[in-house]
Every structure is written in structure tokens, then in C-alpha cells.
C-alpha atoms as a PDB file:
ATOM      1  CA  UNK A   1      -7.837 -10.059  -1.119  1.00  0.00           C
ATOM      2  CA  UNK A   2      -7.563  -9.224   2.569  1.00  0.00           C
ATOM      3  CA  UNK A   3      -5.891  -6.114   3.898  1.00  0.00           C
ATOM      4  CA  UNK A   4      -3.150  -8.272   5.332  1.00  0.00           C
ATOM      5  CA  UNK A   5      -2.457  -9.857   1.931  1.00  0.00           C
ATOM      6  CA  UNK A   6      -2.462  -6.432   0.288  1.00  0.00           C
ATOM      7  CA  UNK A   7       0.069  -5.099   2.804  1.00  0.00           C
ATOM      8  CA  UNK A   8       2.325  -8.163   2.486  1.00  0.00           C
ATOM      9  CA  UNK A   9       2.436  -7.884  -1.304  1.00  0.00           C
ATOM     10  CA  UNK A  10       2.929  -4.119  -1.211  1.00  0.00           C
ATOM     11  CA  UNK A  11       5.820  -4.581   1.224  1.00  0.00           C
ATOM     12  CA  UNK A  12       7.334  -7.195  -1.065  1.00  0.00           C
ATOM     13  CA  UNK A  13       7.157  -4.695  -3.954  1.00  0.00           C
ATOM     14  CA  UNK A  14       9.597  -2.358  -2.136  1.00  0.00           C
ATOM     15  CA  UNK A  15      11.672  -5.008  -0.365  1.00  0.00           C
ATOM     16  CA  UNK A  16      10.305  -4.514   3.127  1.00  0.00           C
ATOM     17  CA  UNK A  17      10.143  -7.358   5.588  1.00  0.00           C
ATOM     18  CA  UNK A  18       6.959  -7.245   7.686  1.00  0.00           C
ATOM     19  CA  UNK A  19       6.271  -8.806  11.016  1.00  0.00           C
ATOM     20  CA  UNK A  20       2.770  -8.952  12.429  1.00  0.00           C
ATOM     21  CA  UNK A  21       2.748  -7.664  16.006  1.00  0.00           C
ATOM     22  CA  UNK A  22      -0.130  -9.018  18.132  1.00  0.00           C
ATOM     23  CA  UNK A  23      -2.467  -6.363  19.519  1.00  0.00           C
ATOM     24  CA  UNK A  24      -4.739  -7.183  22.478  1.00  0.00           C
ATOM     25  CA  UNK A  25      -8.357  -7.003  21.382  1.00  0.00           C
ATOM     26  CA  UNK A  26      -7.602  -6.047  17.774  1.00  0.00           C
ATOM     27  CA  UNK A  27      -6.020  -7.015  14.514  1.00  0.00           C
ATOM     28  CA  UNK A  28      -2.310  -7.703  14.359  1.00  0.00           C
ATOM     29  CA  UNK A  29      -0.264  -4.595  13.555  1.00  0.00           C
ATOM     30  CA  UNK A  30       2.180  -4.641  10.610  1.00  0.00           C
ATOM     31  CA  UNK A  31       5.703  -3.522  11.592  1.00  0.00           C
ATOM     32  CA  UNK A  32       8.759  -3.012   9.393  1.00  0.00           C
ATOM     33  CA  UNK A  33      11.398  -5.523  10.393  1.00  0.00           C
ATOM     34  CA  UNK A  34      14.201  -3.656   8.593  1.00  0.00           C
ATOM     35  CA  UNK A  35      15.394  -1.971  11.704  1.00  0.00           C
ATOM     36  CA  UNK A  36      17.318  -4.180  14.134  1.00  0.00           C
ATOM     37  CA  UNK A  37      16.818  -2.231  17.347  1.00  0.00           C
ATOM     38  CA  UNK A  38      13.120  -1.417  17.154  1.00  0.00           C
ATOM     39  CA  UNK A  39      10.042  -1.905  15.064  1.00  0.00           C
ATOM     40  CA  UNK A  40       8.209   0.804  13.146  1.00  0.00           C
ATOM     41  CA  UNK A  41       4.539   0.428  12.293  1.00  0.00           C
ATOM     42  CA  UNK A  42       4.175   0.307   8.510  1.00  0.00           C
ATOM     43  CA  UNK A  43       0.612   0.547   7.261  1.00  0.00           C
ATOM     44  CA  UNK A  44       0.039   2.531   4.088  1.00  0.00           C
ATOM     45  CA  UNK A  45      -3.673   1.721   4.274  1.00  0.00           C
ATOM     46  CA  UNK A  46      -3.892   3.838   7.386  1.00  0.00           C
ATOM     47  CA  UNK A  47      -0.886   6.192   7.085  1.00  0.00           C
ATOM     48  CA  UNK A  48      -0.654   8.916   4.408  1.00  0.00           C
ATOM     49  CA  UNK A  49       3.100   9.046   4.937  1.00  0.00           C
ATOM     50  CA  UNK A  50       3.598   5.322   4.326  1.00  0.00           C
ATOM     51  CA  UNK A  51       1.307   5.471   1.280  1.00  0.00           C
ATOM     52  CA  UNK A  52       3.194   8.380  -0.213  1.00  0.00           C
ATOM     53  CA  UNK A  53       6.518   6.665   0.390  1.00  0.00           C
ATOM     54  CA  UNK A  54       5.174   3.599  -1.339  1.00  0.00           C
ATOM     55  CA  UNK A  55       3.901   5.571  -4.351  1.00  0.00           C
ATOM     56  CA  UNK A  56       7.200   7.475  -4.709  1.00  0.00           C
ATOM     57  CA  UNK A  57       9.396   4.367  -4.402  1.00  0.00           C
ATOM     58  CA  UNK A  58       7.336   2.557  -7.047  1.00  0.00           C
ATOM     59  CA  UNK A  59       7.138   5.624  -9.323  1.00  0.00           C
ATOM     60  CA  UNK A  60       3.355   5.619  -9.345  1.00  0.00           C
ATOM     61  CA  UNK A  61       1.083   8.260 -10.676  1.00  0.00           C
ATOM     62  CA  UNK A  62      -1.655   9.242  -8.219  1.00  0.00           C
ATOM     63  CA  UNK A  63      -4.698  11.290  -9.184  1.00  0.00           C
ATOM     64  CA  UNK A  64      -8.032  12.514  -7.861  1.00  0.00           C
ATOM     65  CA  UNK A  65     -11.276  12.474  -9.784  1.00  0.00           C
ATOM     66  CA  UNK A  66     -14.946  13.140  -9.106  1.00  0.00           C
ATOM     67  CA  UNK A  67     -15.796  10.409  -6.614  1.00  0.00           C
ATOM     68  CA  UNK A  68     -12.647   8.313  -6.833  1.00  0.00           C
ATOM     69  CA  UNK A  69      -8.890   8.224  -6.432  1.00  0.00           C
ATOM     70  CA  UNK A  70      -6.542   6.374  -8.797  1.00  0.00           C
ATOM     71  CA  UNK A  71      -3.018   5.003  -8.593  1.00  0.00           C
ATOM     72  CA  UNK A  72      -1.288   3.864 -11.740  1.00  0.00           C
ATOM     73  CA  UNK A  73       1.982   2.405 -12.847  1.00  0.00           C
ATOM     74  CA  UNK A  74       3.465   1.310 -16.172  1.00  0.00           C
ATOM     75  CA  UNK A  75       4.120  -2.404 -16.532  1.00  0.00           C
ATOM     76  CA  UNK A  76       5.213  -4.332 -19.653  1.00  0.00           C
ATOM     77  CA  UNK A  77       3.429  -2.385 -22.389  1.00  0.00           C
ATOM     78  CA  UNK A  78       0.450  -0.797 -20.641  1.00  0.00           C
ATOM     79  CA  UNK A  79      -0.642   1.395 -17.746  1.00  0.00           C
ATOM     80  CA  UNK A  80      -2.200  -0.430 -14.874  1.00  0.00           C
ATOM     81  CA  UNK A  81      -4.809   1.730 -13.098  1.00  0.00           C
ATOM     82  CA  UNK A  82      -6.342   0.972  -9.682  1.00  0.00           C
ATOM     83  CA  UNK A  83      -9.366   3.027  -8.664  1.00  0.00           C
ATOM     84  CA  UNK A  84     -11.041   3.432  -5.298  1.00  0.00           C
ATOM     85  CA  UNK A  85     -14.320   5.248  -4.679  1.00  0.00           C
ATOM     86  CA  UNK A  86     -14.038   8.073  -2.167  1.00  0.00           C
ATOM     87  CA  UNK A  87     -17.099   7.057  -0.110  1.00  0.00           C
ATOM     88  CA  UNK A  88     -16.691  10.291   1.876  1.00  0.00           C
ATOM     89  CA  UNK A  89     -12.940   9.859   2.525  1.00  0.00           C
ATOM     90  CA  UNK A  90     -10.749  10.734  -0.445  1.00  0.00           C
ATOM     91  CA  UNK A  91      -7.535  10.312   1.619  1.00  0.00           C
ATOM     92  CA  UNK A  92      -8.414   6.767   2.675  1.00  0.00           C
ATOM     93  CA  UNK A  93      -9.430   5.941  -0.901  1.00  0.00           C
ATOM     94  CA  UNK A  94      -6.103   7.299  -2.201  1.00  0.00           C
ATOM     95  CA  UNK A  95      -4.101   5.205   0.270  1.00  0.00           C
ATOM     96  CA  UNK A  96      -6.086   2.083  -0.667  1.00  0.00           C
ATOM     97  CA  UNK A  97      -5.598   2.698  -4.415  1.00  0.00           C
ATOM     98  CA  UNK A  98      -1.807   3.054  -3.855  1.00  0.00           C
ATOM     99  CA  UNK A  99      -1.625  -0.131  -1.803  1.00  0.00           C
ATOM    100  CA  UNK A 100      -3.691  -2.091  -4.342  1.00  0.00           C
ATOM    101  CA  UNK A 101      -1.367  -0.945  -7.138  1.00  0.00           C
ATOM    102  CA  UNK A 102       1.717  -1.779  -5.079  1.00  0.00           C
ATOM    103  CA  UNK A 103       0.264  -5.209  -4.198  1.00  0.00           C
ATOM    104  CA  UNK A 104      -0.130  -5.902  -7.939  1.00  0.00           C
ATOM    105  CA  UNK A 105       3.552  -5.004  -8.461  1.00  0.00           C
ATOM    106  CA  UNK A 106       4.502  -7.355  -5.582  1.00  0.00           C
ATOM    107  CA  UNK A 107       2.278 -10.129  -6.960  1.00  0.00           C
ATOM    108  CA  UNK A 108       4.040  -9.976 -10.303  1.00  0.00           C
ATOM    109  CA  UNK A 109       7.539 -10.117  -8.776  1.00  0.00           C
ATOM    110  CA  UNK A 110       9.373 -13.410  -9.089  1.00  0.00           C
END
């Protein structure tokens, strides 16, 4: 799954409407369309604040382990756990684990 797909599903999980703002010479930037007067960049893959907001709103558990970060949520009758290896950056791994877990929640929404 691409980062864009992950972000779209994660946004769906918390009821955000995203718009993709074109950036010259780079990837489109996801912005939260919830505000009528201006757009706010919303990228929990790159922003610790957005990732924390996502985890709190979805009542996730987030944990650190030797070499990886994990985000988990309870669904149906079991815990769903998403792990990301640190690869030298535990904060980035934690953000990605949170987004992957949120995307799964969004994917399962009807």
C-alpha cells in the first residue's frame, strides 16, 4: 500500500476529509479540508503531533520494543498489532505503525 493510500484510509478512520495539494517538484501534500477558511497540512507519517492525535482519537496502544515500534487496537474479538522496525529512527517507525493501524481501521469501515 502506498503512503497516499495509508493516509487516505487513516483519515477516513477519524472522519477527516483530505485534499492533495500540488507541490512543485515534489509529492502532493495532504491537507485537512475540515477548515473552510484555510488548509492545514495533515501527515501523521511525518508529524509526531498528527500521529499522536490519530492514536488518541482511535484509542490505540503504542509501545516501544528493542528494534521496533508497535501500535495496536482492539477489533471484534482480538488485538490487531502493527509493528515497524526502527531502522535508526524510532519516532518515524512509531508514526508509521500508528498510520498503518489507523489505515486498517479505515479499511474496515463501511
